[in-house]
Amino acid sequence: MIPFPHDIFTEPADVDPDTLANLGPLTRLAGRWEAHKGVDINPKADAPERRVFIERIAFDAIDPQTNGPQLFYGLRYHIHITTKEEDITFHEQVGYWLWEPATGLILQTLAIPRGQVALASGQGKAGDDRFSLTATRGETQYGICSTAFLEYGFRTDSYRIDIAFDGEDAWSYEIRTMLAVHGRAEPFEHHDQNTLKRVGPAKPNPLMQIMARRAKSTPAKP
């Protein structure tokens, strides 16, 4: 039985506009991050290739979002990766991290400019130092969608990301993506991992910034 209410239209009342105060397990992600020793292992024609990469990630708080009675707080993110050997972008990714306080649901949406999107899910609560999200090809709720060529040549069957925090200013991820590579009998585990350090603070979501500006411009009552 799906635990959803009969009324799918009425939005929650008295929503707290402060996203940074309501991100739960995602709280420590907000801000700017950088690392220079990420590791990527990807499939090539002759043998798997290991690359060390430079990664920068920005997580920006968005205003609270509703689906009728469902309420999410979240972060919009942008990942940009290069390598020491080349200035050209090695990897680019955008999307959202979302948390539903009422259920503990964590979501990651991701899109890459090679024709692939995914929606991964997991569970967490405020203060968690670790959590994991997964997505599976063929699922209509938390799945993976790719171009015809990627389905043919490098079909993505599953995706898993494990997050671990180290205090307030460092966190690590490990990503395992299982690929079915055309012409090869065995699946390939595309593996990425990195530890990032904070280089910029979290900023309030747009509504909170507007409210702060209005508060400053309102004359004090005598």
N, C-alpha and C. Protein backbone atom coordinates (compact mmCIF):
# COMPACT_ATOMS: atom_id res chain seq x y z
N MET A 1 0.84 -1.20 0.00
CA MET A 1 0.00 0.00 0.00
C MET A 1 0.87 1.25 0.00
N ILE A 2 0.59 2.19 -0.89
CA ILE A 2 1.36 3.42 -0.99
C ILE A 2 0.93 4.36 0.13
N PRO A 3 1.86 4.83 0.97
CA PRO A 3 1.50 5.66 2.13
C PRO A 3 1.28 7.13 1.77
N PHE A 4 0.39 7.39 0.83
CA PHE A 4 0.10 8.75 0.41
C PHE A 4 -1.31 9.12 0.79
N PRO A 5 -1.59 10.40 1.06
CA PRO A 5 -2.93 10.82 1.45
C PRO A 5 -3.89 10.84 0.27
N HIS A 6 -5.17 10.76 0.57
CA HIS A 6 -6.20 10.87 -0.47
C HIS A 6 -6.17 12.24 -1.13
N ASP A 7 -5.93 13.28 -0.33
CA ASP A 7 -5.85 14.65 -0.84
C ASP A 7 -4.45 14.89 -1.39
N ILE A 8 -4.33 14.96 -2.71
CA ILE A 8 -3.03 15.14 -3.34
C ILE A 8 -2.77 16.58 -3.77
N PHE A 9 -3.69 17.50 -3.42
CA PHE A 9 -3.58 18.88 -3.89
C PHE A 9 -3.19 19.88 -2.80
N THR A 10 -3.66 19.67 -1.58
CA THR A 10 -3.46 20.66 -0.52
C THR A 10 -2.00 20.68 -0.07
N GLU A 11 -1.37 21.84 -0.17
CA GLU A 11 0.02 21.99 0.23
C GLU A 11 0.12 22.24 1.74
N PRO A 12 1.26 21.90 2.35
CA PRO A 12 1.41 22.11 3.80
C PRO A 12 1.37 23.59 4.15
N ALA A 13 0.79 23.89 5.30
CA ALA A 13 0.71 25.27 5.78
C ALA A 13 1.92 25.58 6.66
N ASP A 14 2.24 26.88 6.74
CA ASP A 14 3.31 27.34 7.63
C ASP A 14 4.64 26.66 7.34
N VAL A 15 5.03 26.64 6.06
CA VAL A 15 6.32 26.07 5.67
C VAL A 15 7.45 27.01 6.10
N ASP A 16 8.43 26.47 6.80
CA ASP A 16 9.60 27.26 7.19
C ASP A 16 10.37 27.64 5.92
N PRO A 17 10.61 28.93 5.65
CA PRO A 17 11.29 29.32 4.42
C PRO A 17 12.80 29.11 4.45
N ASP A 18 13.37 28.78 5.62
CA ASP A 18 14.82 28.69 5.77
C ASP A 18 15.31 27.29 5.40
N THR A 19 15.77 27.15 4.17
CA THR A 19 16.23 25.84 3.69
C THR A 19 17.43 25.33 4.47
N LEU A 20 18.40 26.20 4.74
CA LEU A 20 19.61 25.75 5.43
C LEU A 20 19.32 25.18 6.80
N ALA A 21 18.22 25.58 7.41
CA ALA A 21 17.86 25.07 8.74
C ALA A 21 17.06 23.78 8.67
N ASN A 22 16.75 23.32 7.45
CA ASN A 22 15.86 22.16 7.29
C ASN A 22 16.38 21.13 6.30
N LEU A 23 17.68 21.05 6.11
CA LEU A 23 18.26 20.12 5.15
C LEU A 23 18.55 18.75 5.72
N GLY A 24 18.36 18.57 7.03
CA GLY A 24 18.58 17.25 7.61
C GLY A 24 19.97 16.72 7.32
N PRO A 25 20.07 15.50 6.77
CA PRO A 25 21.37 14.89 6.52
C PRO A 25 22.18 15.59 5.42
N LEU A 26 21.53 16.47 4.66
CA LEU A 26 22.23 17.19 3.58
C LEU A 26 22.85 18.49 4.04
N THR A 27 22.65 18.86 5.30
CA THR A 27 23.07 20.18 5.80
C THR A 27 24.52 20.49 5.50
N ARG A 28 25.41 19.53 5.73
CA ARG A 28 26.85 19.80 5.60
C ARG A 28 27.32 19.88 4.16
N LEU A 29 26.46 19.50 3.20
CA LEU A 29 26.86 19.61 1.79
C LEU A 29 26.82 21.05 1.28
N ALA A 30 26.00 21.89 1.88
CA ALA A 30 25.81 23.25 1.36
C ALA A 30 27.13 24.02 1.37
N GLY A 31 27.44 24.69 0.24
CA GLY A 31 28.65 25.47 0.13
C GLY A 31 29.45 25.10 -1.11
N ARG A 32 30.74 25.43 -1.07
CA ARG A 32 31.66 25.18 -2.18
C ARG A 32 32.75 24.23 -1.74
N TRP A 33 33.14 23.30 -2.66
CA TRP A 33 34.07 22.23 -2.31
C TRP A 33 35.09 22.02 -3.42
N GLU A 34 36.26 21.49 -3.04
CA GLU A 34 37.31 21.27 -4.03
C GLU A 34 38.19 20.10 -3.60
N ALA A 35 38.73 19.39 -4.59
CA ALA A 35 39.67 18.29 -4.35
C ALA A 35 40.54 18.10 -5.58
N HIS A 36 41.75 17.58 -5.36
CA HIS A 36 42.70 17.42 -6.47
C HIS A 36 43.19 15.98 -6.63
N LYS A 37 42.61 15.05 -5.89
CA LYS A 37 43.10 13.67 -5.95
C LYS A 37 41.97 12.67 -6.11
N GLY A 38 40.92 13.03 -6.84
CA GLY A 38 39.86 12.08 -7.14
C GLY A 38 40.36 10.98 -8.06
N VAL A 39 39.73 9.82 -7.99
CA VAL A 39 40.14 8.67 -8.81
C VAL A 39 38.95 8.14 -9.58
N ASP A 40 39.14 7.97 -10.88
CA ASP A 40 38.11 7.42 -11.77
C ASP A 40 38.69 6.20 -12.48
N ILE A 41 37.95 5.09 -12.47
CA ILE A 41 38.33 3.89 -13.21
C ILE A 41 37.23 3.60 -14.21
N ASN A 42 37.55 3.74 -15.50
CA ASN A 42 36.54 3.63 -16.54
C ASN A 42 36.98 2.66 -17.63
N PRO A 43 36.01 2.13 -18.40
CA PRO A 43 36.35 1.12 -19.42
C PRO A 43 36.95 1.74 -20.69
N LYS A 44 37.97 1.09 -21.20
CA LYS A 44 38.59 1.46 -22.48
C LYS A 44 38.73 0.20 -23.33
N ALA A 45 39.09 0.38 -24.59
CA ALA A 45 39.14 -0.75 -25.53
C ALA A 45 40.17 -1.80 -25.09
N ASP A 46 41.34 -1.36 -24.61
CA ASP A 46 42.40 -2.30 -24.27
C ASP A 46 42.32 -2.80 -22.83
N ALA A 47 42.08 -1.87 -21.92
CA ALA A 47 42.05 -2.22 -20.49
C ALA A 47 41.43 -1.05 -19.72
N PRO A 48 40.97 -1.29 -18.51
CA PRO A 48 40.43 -0.19 -17.72
C PRO A 48 41.46 0.92 -17.53
N GLU A 49 40.99 2.16 -17.55
CA GLU A 49 41.86 3.32 -17.39
C GLU A 49 41.64 3.95 -16.02
N ARG A 50 42.73 4.28 -15.34
CA ARG A 50 42.67 4.96 -14.06
C ARG A 50 43.12 6.40 -14.25
N ARG A 51 42.25 7.35 -13.87
CA ARG A 51 42.58 8.76 -14.01
C ARG A 51 42.44 9.45 -12.66
N VAL A 52 43.40 10.31 -12.36
CA VAL A 52 43.32 11.18 -11.19
C VAL A 52 42.77 12.52 -11.65
N PHE A 53 41.78 13.06 -10.92
CA PHE A 53 41.11 14.26 -11.43
C PHE A 53 41.00 15.35 -10.37
N ILE A 54 40.72 16.56 -10.87
CA ILE A 54 40.49 17.75 -10.05
C ILE A 54 38.99 18.03 -10.08
N GLU A 55 38.40 18.18 -8.90
CA GLU A 55 36.94 18.32 -8.83
C GLU A 55 36.54 19.55 -8.04
N ARG A 56 35.55 20.27 -8.57
CA ARG A 56 34.94 21.40 -7.87
C ARG A 56 33.43 21.22 -7.89
N ILE A 57 32.81 21.39 -6.72
CA ILE A 57 31.37 21.22 -6.60
C ILE A 57 30.78 22.43 -5.87
N ALA A 58 29.67 22.94 -6.40
CA ALA A 58 28.91 23.99 -5.74
C ALA A 58 27.53 23.45 -5.38
N PHE A 59 27.15 23.61 -4.12
CA PHE A 59 25.81 23.24 -3.64
C PHE A 59 25.11 24.51 -3.17
N ASP A 60 24.02 24.89 -3.84
CA ASP A 60 23.29 26.10 -3.51
C ASP A 60 21.89 25.77 -3.00
N ALA A 61 21.53 26.36 -1.87
CA ALA A 61 20.21 26.11 -1.28
C ALA A 61 19.11 26.67 -2.18
N ILE A 62 18.07 25.88 -2.38
CA ILE A 62 16.90 26.32 -3.14
C ILE A 62 15.74 26.55 -2.17
N ASP A 63 14.72 27.25 -2.63
CA ASP A 63 13.55 27.47 -1.80
C ASP A 63 12.80 26.15 -1.59
N PRO A 64 12.05 26.02 -0.50
CA PRO A 64 11.27 24.80 -0.26
C PRO A 64 10.38 24.46 -1.45
N GLN A 65 10.27 23.18 -1.75
CA GLN A 65 9.51 22.71 -2.91
C GLN A 65 8.40 21.77 -2.45
N THR A 66 7.23 21.88 -3.09
CA THR A 66 6.10 21.02 -2.73
C THR A 66 5.55 20.28 -3.94
N ASN A 67 5.12 19.06 -3.70
CA ASN A 67 4.26 18.30 -4.60
C ASN A 67 2.95 18.09 -3.85
N GLY A 68 2.03 19.04 -3.95
CA GLY A 68 0.85 18.95 -3.11
C GLY A 68 1.28 18.89 -1.65
N PRO A 69 0.92 17.84 -0.91
CA PRO A 69 1.28 17.74 0.51
C PRO A 69 2.74 17.40 0.77
N GLN A 70 3.46 16.96 -0.26
CA GLN A 70 4.85 16.57 -0.08
C GLN A 70 5.74 17.81 -0.04
N LEU A 71 6.68 17.84 0.92
CA LEU A 71 7.56 18.99 1.10
C LEU A 71 9.01 18.54 1.05
N PHE A 72 9.79 19.20 0.18
CA PHE A 72 11.22 18.94 0.06
C PHE A 72 12.02 20.20 0.40
N TYR A 73 13.16 20.00 1.05
CA TYR A 73 14.20 21.01 1.15
C TYR A 73 15.40 20.48 0.38
N GLY A 74 16.13 21.38 -0.31
CA GLY A 74 17.20 20.82 -1.12
C GLY A 74 18.28 21.79 -1.56
N LEU A 75 19.20 21.22 -2.33
CA LEU A 75 20.36 21.92 -2.86
C LEU A 75 20.46 21.67 -4.36
N ARG A 76 20.68 22.73 -5.12
CA ARG A 76 21.03 22.59 -6.53
C ARG A 76 22.55 22.46 -6.61
N TYR A 77 23.06 21.52 -7.42
CA TYR A 77 24.50 21.34 -7.47
C TYR A 77 25.05 21.36 -8.89
N HIS A 78 26.32 21.72 -8.98
CA HIS A 78 27.06 21.68 -10.24
C HIS A 78 28.44 21.11 -9.96
N ILE A 79 28.78 20.06 -10.69
CA ILE A 79 30.09 19.42 -10.59
C ILE A 79 30.89 19.71 -11.85
N HIS A 80 32.13 20.15 -11.68
CA HIS A 80 33.03 20.36 -12.82
C HIS A 80 34.36 19.69 -12.52
N ILE A 81 34.77 18.79 -13.43
CA ILE A 81 35.98 17.99 -13.22
C ILE A 81 36.92 18.15 -14.40
N THR A 82 38.19 18.37 -14.08
CA THR A 82 39.26 18.41 -15.08
C THR A 82 40.38 17.48 -14.60
N THR A 83 41.45 17.41 -15.40
CA THR A 83 42.63 16.65 -15.01
C THR A 83 43.87 17.53 -15.16
N LYS A 84 44.97 17.10 -14.52
CA LYS A 84 46.22 17.86 -14.64
C LYS A 84 46.75 17.81 -16.07
N GLU A 85 46.42 16.75 -16.79
CA GLU A 85 46.95 16.58 -18.14
C GLU A 85 46.22 17.42 -19.17
N GLU A 86 44.92 17.71 -18.92
CA GLU A 86 44.11 18.41 -19.92
C GLU A 86 43.24 19.46 -19.25
N ASP A 87 43.04 20.58 -19.95
CA ASP A 87 42.16 21.62 -19.45
C ASP A 87 40.70 21.36 -19.82
N ILE A 88 40.47 20.56 -20.84
CA ILE A 88 39.10 20.28 -21.26
C ILE A 88 38.34 19.56 -20.14
N THR A 89 37.04 19.79 -20.10
CA THR A 89 36.22 19.18 -19.05
C THR A 89 36.26 17.66 -19.15
N PHE A 90 36.59 17.01 -18.04
CA PHE A 90 36.61 15.55 -17.97
C PHE A 90 35.23 15.01 -17.62
N HIS A 91 34.52 15.77 -16.78
CA HIS A 91 33.16 15.38 -16.40
C HIS A 91 32.40 16.62 -15.96
N GLU A 92 31.14 16.68 -16.36
CA GLU A 92 30.24 17.77 -15.97
C GLU A 92 28.93 17.15 -15.51
N GLN A 93 28.35 17.69 -14.45
CA GLN A 93 27.11 17.11 -13.92
C GLN A 93 26.33 18.17 -13.16
N VAL A 94 25.01 18.15 -13.34
CA VAL A 94 24.14 19.07 -12.61
C VAL A 94 22.96 18.29 -12.05
N GLY A 95 22.28 18.88 -11.07
CA GLY A 95 21.10 18.23 -10.52
C GLY A 95 20.73 18.81 -9.18
N TYR A 96 19.98 18.02 -8.42
CA TYR A 96 19.50 18.44 -7.10
C TYR A 96 19.69 17.32 -6.09
N TRP A 97 20.00 17.71 -4.86
CA TRP A 97 19.89 16.83 -3.70
C TRP A 97 18.68 17.32 -2.90
N LEU A 98 17.77 16.42 -2.56
CA LEU A 98 16.53 16.77 -1.87
C LEU A 98 16.32 15.90 -0.65
N TRP A 99 15.67 16.48 0.37
CA TRP A 99 15.33 15.72 1.58
C TRP A 99 13.89 16.01 1.96
N GLU A 100 13.15 14.93 2.26
CA GLU A 100 11.77 15.06 2.72
C GLU A 100 11.74 14.80 4.22
N PRO A 101 11.61 15.84 5.05
CA PRO A 101 11.65 15.65 6.50
C PRO A 101 10.59 14.69 7.02
N ALA A 102 9.42 14.67 6.41
CA ALA A 102 8.32 13.85 6.92
C ALA A 102 8.61 12.36 6.84
N THR A 103 9.43 11.93 5.87
CA THR A 103 9.68 10.50 5.66
C THR A 103 11.14 10.10 5.75
N GLY A 104 12.07 11.06 5.74
CA GLY A 104 13.49 10.74 5.72
C GLY A 104 14.01 10.40 4.33
N LEU A 105 13.18 10.59 3.29
CA LEU A 105 13.60 10.27 1.92
C LEU A 105 14.66 11.26 1.44
N ILE A 106 15.74 10.71 0.90
CA ILE A 106 16.80 11.51 0.26
C ILE A 106 16.78 11.19 -1.23
N LEU A 107 16.84 12.23 -2.06
CA LEU A 107 16.88 12.05 -3.50
C LEU A 107 18.08 12.78 -4.09
N GLN A 108 18.65 12.18 -5.13
CA GLN A 108 19.63 12.86 -5.97
C GLN A 108 19.17 12.76 -7.41
N THR A 109 19.00 13.91 -8.06
CA THR A 109 18.78 13.90 -9.49
C THR A 109 20.11 14.24 -10.15
N LEU A 110 20.40 13.60 -11.26
CA LEU A 110 21.65 13.91 -11.95
C LEU A 110 21.44 13.89 -13.45
N ALA A 111 22.16 14.77 -14.11
CA ALA A 111 22.14 14.84 -15.57
C ALA A 111 23.55 15.15 -16.05
N ILE A 112 23.99 14.41 -17.07
CA ILE A 112 25.31 14.65 -17.65
C ILE A 112 25.14 14.94 -19.14
N PRO A 113 26.02 15.77 -19.71
CA PRO A 113 25.85 16.20 -21.10
C PRO A 113 26.34 15.19 -22.14
N ARG A 114 26.11 13.92 -21.82
CA ARG A 114 26.34 12.87 -22.81
C ARG A 114 25.04 12.10 -23.05
N GLY A 115 23.94 12.68 -22.56
CA GLY A 115 22.64 12.08 -22.81
C GLY A 115 22.23 11.04 -21.79
N GLN A 116 22.38 11.40 -20.50
CA GLN A 116 21.98 10.47 -19.45
C GLN A 116 21.45 11.23 -18.23
N VAL A 117 20.36 10.70 -17.66
CA VAL A 117 19.79 11.26 -16.44
C VAL A 117 19.46 10.11 -15.50
N ALA A 118 19.34 10.44 -14.20
CA ALA A 118 18.98 9.42 -13.22
C ALA A 118 18.35 10.07 -12.01
N LEU A 119 17.58 9.28 -11.29
CA LEU A 119 16.99 9.69 -10.01
C LEU A 119 17.29 8.58 -9.01
N ALA A 120 18.12 8.90 -8.01
CA ALA A 120 18.52 7.92 -7.01
C ALA A 120 17.86 8.25 -5.68
N SER A 121 17.63 7.22 -4.85
CA SER A 121 16.94 7.43 -3.58
C SER A 121 17.62 6.68 -2.45
N GLY A 122 17.40 7.18 -1.24
CA GLY A 122 17.88 6.55 -0.03
C GLY A 122 17.13 7.11 1.16
N GLN A 123 17.60 6.80 2.35
CA GLN A 123 16.96 7.25 3.58
C GLN A 123 18.01 7.86 4.50
N GLY A 124 17.59 8.85 5.29
CA GLY A 124 18.50 9.46 6.24
C GLY A 124 17.76 10.32 7.23
N LYS A 125 18.52 10.80 8.21
CA LYS A 125 17.95 11.69 9.22
C LYS A 125 19.00 12.74 9.59
N ALA A 126 18.54 13.81 10.21
CA ALA A 126 19.44 14.88 10.60
C ALA A 126 20.56 14.34 11.48
N GLY A 127 21.79 14.77 11.19
CA GLY A 127 22.94 14.35 11.97
C GLY A 127 23.64 13.11 11.47
N ASP A 128 23.10 12.43 10.47
CA ASP A 128 23.75 11.24 9.93
C ASP A 128 25.13 11.58 9.36
N ASP A 129 26.13 10.77 9.67
CA ASP A 129 27.46 10.94 9.10
C ASP A 129 27.63 10.17 7.79
N ARG A 130 26.70 9.23 7.53
CA ARG A 130 26.78 8.42 6.32
C ARG A 130 25.38 8.15 5.77
N PHE A 131 25.28 8.07 4.46
CA PHE A 131 24.05 7.58 3.83
C PHE A 131 24.37 7.15 2.41
N SER A 132 23.47 6.36 1.83
CA SER A 132 23.66 5.80 0.50
C SER A 132 22.40 5.96 -0.33
N LEU A 133 22.58 6.15 -1.64
CA LEU A 133 21.46 6.26 -2.57
C LEU A 133 21.70 5.32 -3.73
N THR A 134 20.61 4.80 -4.32
CA THR A 134 20.73 3.89 -5.45
C THR A 134 19.68 4.20 -6.52
N ALA A 135 20.00 3.81 -7.74
CA ALA A 135 19.06 3.87 -8.86
C ALA A 135 19.29 2.64 -9.72
N THR A 136 18.22 2.17 -10.38
CA THR A 136 18.29 0.95 -11.17
C THR A 136 17.63 1.16 -12.53
N ARG A 137 18.30 0.72 -13.58
CA ARG A 137 17.74 0.81 -14.93
C ARG A 137 16.43 0.03 -15.00
N GLY A 138 15.43 0.62 -15.66
CA GLY A 138 14.15 -0.03 -15.84
C GLY A 138 13.11 0.35 -14.81
N GLU A 139 13.53 0.95 -13.70
CA GLU A 139 12.59 1.38 -12.68
C GLU A 139 11.95 2.71 -13.09
N THR A 140 10.65 2.85 -12.85
CA THR A 140 9.97 4.10 -13.19
C THR A 140 10.00 5.11 -12.06
N GLN A 141 10.35 4.70 -10.84
CA GLN A 141 10.40 5.64 -9.73
C GLN A 141 11.82 6.16 -9.49
N TYR A 142 12.78 5.27 -9.32
CA TYR A 142 14.15 5.67 -9.08
C TYR A 142 15.02 4.94 -10.09
N GLY A 143 15.08 5.52 -11.30
CA GLY A 143 15.69 4.81 -12.41
C GLY A 143 16.74 5.61 -13.16
N ILE A 144 17.13 5.06 -14.30
CA ILE A 144 18.20 5.59 -15.14
C ILE A 144 17.70 5.63 -16.58
N CYS A 145 17.93 6.75 -17.26
CA CYS A 145 17.50 6.89 -18.66
C CYS A 145 18.68 7.39 -19.48
N SER A 146 18.95 6.73 -20.63
CA SER A 146 20.12 7.04 -21.44
C SER A 146 19.75 7.13 -22.91
N THR A 147 20.69 7.69 -23.71
CA THR A 147 20.50 7.74 -25.15
C THR A 147 20.54 6.33 -25.75
N ALA A 148 20.10 6.23 -26.99
CA ALA A 148 20.12 4.94 -27.68
C ALA A 148 21.54 4.40 -27.79
N PHE A 149 22.53 5.29 -28.06
CA PHE A 149 23.90 4.81 -28.18
C PHE A 149 24.43 4.28 -26.85
N LEU A 150 24.19 5.01 -25.76
CA LEU A 150 24.68 4.54 -24.46
C LEU A 150 24.01 3.22 -24.07
N GLU A 151 22.73 3.09 -24.39
CA GLU A 151 22.05 1.81 -24.13
C GLU A 151 22.71 0.68 -24.92
N TYR A 152 23.18 0.98 -26.11
CA TYR A 152 23.83 -0.03 -26.97
C TYR A 152 25.26 -0.31 -26.55
N GLY A 153 26.04 0.77 -26.32
CA GLY A 153 27.47 0.60 -26.10
C GLY A 153 27.90 0.47 -24.65
N PHE A 154 27.26 1.25 -23.77
CA PHE A 154 27.68 1.29 -22.36
C PHE A 154 26.42 1.37 -21.49
N ARG A 155 25.62 0.35 -21.52
CA ARG A 155 24.36 0.36 -20.79
C ARG A 155 24.59 0.43 -19.28
N THR A 156 23.96 1.39 -18.64
CA THR A 156 24.07 1.54 -17.19
C THR A 156 22.94 0.78 -16.52
N ASP A 157 23.28 -0.26 -15.78
CA ASP A 157 22.27 -1.09 -15.13
C ASP A 157 21.96 -0.66 -13.70
N SER A 158 22.94 -0.08 -13.02
CA SER A 158 22.70 0.36 -11.65
C SER A 158 23.68 1.45 -11.26
N TYR A 159 23.29 2.22 -10.26
CA TYR A 159 24.09 3.34 -9.76
C TYR A 159 23.97 3.36 -8.24
N ARG A 160 25.09 3.54 -7.56
CA ARG A 160 25.10 3.65 -6.10
C ARG A 160 26.12 4.71 -5.69
N ILE A 161 25.71 5.60 -4.80
CA ILE A 161 26.62 6.58 -4.25
C ILE A 161 26.57 6.49 -2.73
N ASP A 162 27.74 6.39 -2.11
CA ASP A 162 27.89 6.36 -0.66
C ASP A 162 28.57 7.66 -0.21
N ILE A 163 27.93 8.37 0.72
CA ILE A 163 28.44 9.64 1.23
C ILE A 163 28.88 9.45 2.67
N ALA A 164 30.04 10.05 3.03
CA ALA A 164 30.53 10.01 4.41
C ALA A 164 31.11 11.37 4.76
N PHE A 165 30.66 11.95 5.89
CA PHE A 165 31.15 13.25 6.33
C PHE A 165 32.27 13.08 7.35
N ASP A 166 33.21 14.02 7.32
CA ASP A 166 34.29 14.09 8.30
C ASP A 166 34.26 15.49 8.90
N GLY A 167 33.47 15.67 9.95
CA GLY A 167 33.29 16.99 10.53
C GLY A 167 32.44 17.87 9.62
N GLU A 168 32.66 19.20 9.72
CA GLU A 168 31.86 20.16 8.96
C GLU A 168 32.49 20.55 7.63
N ASP A 169 33.78 20.29 7.46
CA ASP A 169 34.48 20.86 6.32
C ASP A 169 35.14 19.84 5.41
N ALA A 170 34.72 18.58 5.49
CA ALA A 170 35.24 17.55 4.59
C ALA A 170 34.20 16.44 4.44
N TRP A 171 34.12 15.88 3.25
CA TRP A 171 33.25 14.74 3.01
C TRP A 171 33.79 13.94 1.84
N SER A 172 33.40 12.68 1.80
CA SER A 172 33.87 11.76 0.76
C SER A 172 32.69 11.09 0.08
N TYR A 173 32.90 10.69 -1.15
CA TYR A 173 31.91 9.88 -1.85
C TYR A 173 32.59 8.71 -2.53
N GLU A 174 31.83 7.66 -2.72
CA GLU A 174 32.25 6.51 -3.52
C GLU A 174 31.08 6.13 -4.41
N ILE A 175 31.31 6.11 -5.70
CA ILE A 175 30.26 5.81 -6.68
C ILE A 175 30.61 4.53 -7.42
N ARG A 176 29.65 3.62 -7.48
CA ARG A 176 29.80 2.39 -8.25
C ARG A 176 28.67 2.32 -9.27
N THR A 177 29.03 2.34 -10.53
CA THR A 177 28.07 2.26 -11.62
C THR A 177 28.34 0.99 -12.40
N MET A 178 27.36 0.10 -12.48
CA MET A 178 27.55 -1.16 -13.20
C MET A 178 27.15 -0.99 -14.65
N LEU A 179 28.10 -1.28 -15.55
CA LEU A 179 27.90 -1.10 -16.98
C LEU A 179 27.90 -2.44 -17.70
N ALA A 180 27.05 -2.54 -18.73
CA ALA A 180 27.12 -3.65 -19.68
C ALA A 180 27.75 -3.08 -20.95
N VAL A 181 29.03 -3.40 -21.17
CA VAL A 181 29.78 -2.86 -22.30
C VAL A 181 29.58 -3.76 -23.52
N HIS A 182 29.24 -3.16 -24.65
CA HIS A 182 28.96 -3.93 -25.86
C HIS A 182 30.12 -4.85 -26.23
N GLY A 183 29.81 -6.12 -26.49
CA GLY A 183 30.80 -7.09 -26.92
C GLY A 183 31.53 -7.78 -25.78
N ARG A 184 31.20 -7.45 -24.53
CA ARG A 184 31.88 -8.06 -23.39
C ARG A 184 30.87 -8.81 -22.53
N ALA A 185 31.26 -10.00 -22.13
CA ALA A 185 30.32 -10.86 -21.41
C ALA A 185 30.13 -10.43 -19.96
N GLU A 186 31.18 -9.92 -19.33
CA GLU A 186 31.12 -9.57 -17.91
C GLU A 186 30.77 -8.10 -17.72
N PRO A 187 29.97 -7.79 -16.71
CA PRO A 187 29.69 -6.39 -16.40
C PRO A 187 30.95 -5.67 -15.92
N PHE A 188 30.97 -4.35 -16.11
CA PHE A 188 32.12 -3.54 -15.71
C PHE A 188 31.69 -2.59 -14.60
N GLU A 189 32.47 -2.55 -13.52
CA GLU A 189 32.18 -1.62 -12.43
C GLU A 189 32.95 -0.33 -12.64
N HIS A 190 32.22 0.71 -13.06
CA HIS A 190 32.81 2.04 -13.21
C HIS A 190 32.86 2.68 -11.82
N HIS A 191 34.07 2.96 -11.35
CA HIS A 191 34.28 3.34 -9.95
C HIS A 191 34.86 4.74 -9.86
N ASP A 192 34.24 5.59 -9.02
CA ASP A 192 34.75 6.93 -8.75
C ASP A 192 34.78 7.15 -7.24
N GLN A 193 35.82 7.84 -6.77
CA GLN A 193 35.88 8.18 -5.35
C GLN A 193 36.68 9.46 -5.17
N ASN A 194 36.33 10.19 -4.10
CA ASN A 194 37.03 11.44 -3.84
C ASN A 194 36.73 11.90 -2.42
N THR A 195 37.61 12.73 -1.89
CA THR A 195 37.41 13.43 -0.62
C THR A 195 37.57 14.92 -0.88
N LEU A 196 36.53 15.68 -0.54
CA LEU A 196 36.51 17.11 -0.84
C LEU A 196 36.62 17.94 0.43
N LYS A 197 37.25 19.12 0.27
CA LYS A 197 37.41 20.06 1.38
C LYS A 197 36.61 21.33 1.09
N ARG A 198 36.07 21.92 2.15
CA ARG A 198 35.28 23.14 1.97
C ARG A 198 36.17 24.31 1.57
N VAL A 199 35.75 25.06 0.54
CA VAL A 199 36.45 26.26 0.12
C VAL A 199 35.53 27.47 0.12
N GLY A 200 34.25 27.29 0.43
CA GLY A 200 33.32 28.39 0.48
C GLY A 200 32.14 28.05 1.36
N PRO A 201 31.56 29.05 2.04
CA PRO A 201 30.47 28.80 2.98
C PRO A 201 29.13 28.59 2.27
N ALA A 202 28.17 28.07 3.03
CA ALA A 202 26.80 27.95 2.54
C ALA A 202 26.15 29.33 2.48
N LYS A 203 25.27 29.52 1.49
CA LYS A 203 24.53 30.77 1.37
C LYS A 203 23.04 30.49 1.51
N PRO A 204 22.27 31.42 2.08
CA PRO A 204 20.82 31.21 2.23
C PRO A 204 20.12 31.03 0.89
N ASN A 205 18.98 30.37 0.92
CA ASN A 205 18.17 30.21 -0.29
C ASN A 205 17.60 31.56 -0.72
N PRO A 206 17.15 31.70 -1.99
CA PRO A 206 16.71 33.00 -2.52
C PRO A 206 15.65 33.69 -1.67
N LEU A 207 14.64 32.96 -1.18
CA LEU A 207 13.60 33.59 -0.39
C LEU A 207 14.16 34.19 0.89
N MET A 208 15.07 33.49 1.55
CA MET A 208 15.67 34.01 2.77
C MET A 208 16.51 35.25 2.48
N GLN A 209 17.17 35.30 1.32
CA GLN A 209 17.94 36.48 0.95
C GLN A 209 17.02 37.68 0.73
N ILE A 210 15.87 37.44 0.08
CA ILE A 210 14.90 38.51 -0.13
C ILE A 210 14.37 39.02 1.21
N MET A 211 14.04 38.11 2.10
CA MET A 211 13.52 38.49 3.40
C MET A 211 14.55 39.29 4.21
N ALA A 212 15.83 38.92 4.08
CA ALA A 212 16.89 39.64 4.79
C ALA A 212 17.03 41.06 4.25
N ARG A 213 16.96 41.21 2.92
CA ARG A 213 17.06 42.55 2.33
C ARG A 213 15.88 43.42 2.75
N ARG A 214 14.70 42.84 2.78
CA ARG A 214 13.51 43.60 3.19
C ARG A 214 13.63 44.04 4.66
N ALA A 215 14.15 43.13 5.49
CA ALA A 215 14.30 43.47 6.90
C ALA A 215 15.26 44.64 7.10
N LYS A 216 16.32 44.69 6.29
CA LYS A 216 17.30 45.77 6.41
C LYS A 216 16.72 47.10 5.94
N SER A 217 15.84 47.04 4.92
CA SER A 217 15.30 48.28 4.36
C SER A 217 14.07 48.81 5.09
N THR A 218 13.52 48.02 6.00
CA THR A 218 12.33 48.45 6.75
C THR A 218 12.76 49.32 7.92
N PRO A 219 12.24 50.57 7.99
CA PRO A 219 12.63 51.45 9.10
C PRO A 219 12.21 50.89 10.45
N ALA A 220 13.04 51.07 11.42
CA ALA A 220 12.72 50.60 12.77
C ALA A 220 11.59 51.45 13.36
N LYS A 221 10.67 50.79 14.06
CA LYS A 221 9.56 51.50 14.67
C LYS A 221 10.04 52.29 15.89
N PRO A 222 9.53 53.52 16.06
CA PRO A 222 9.96 54.33 17.22
C PRO A 222 9.46 53.73 18.53
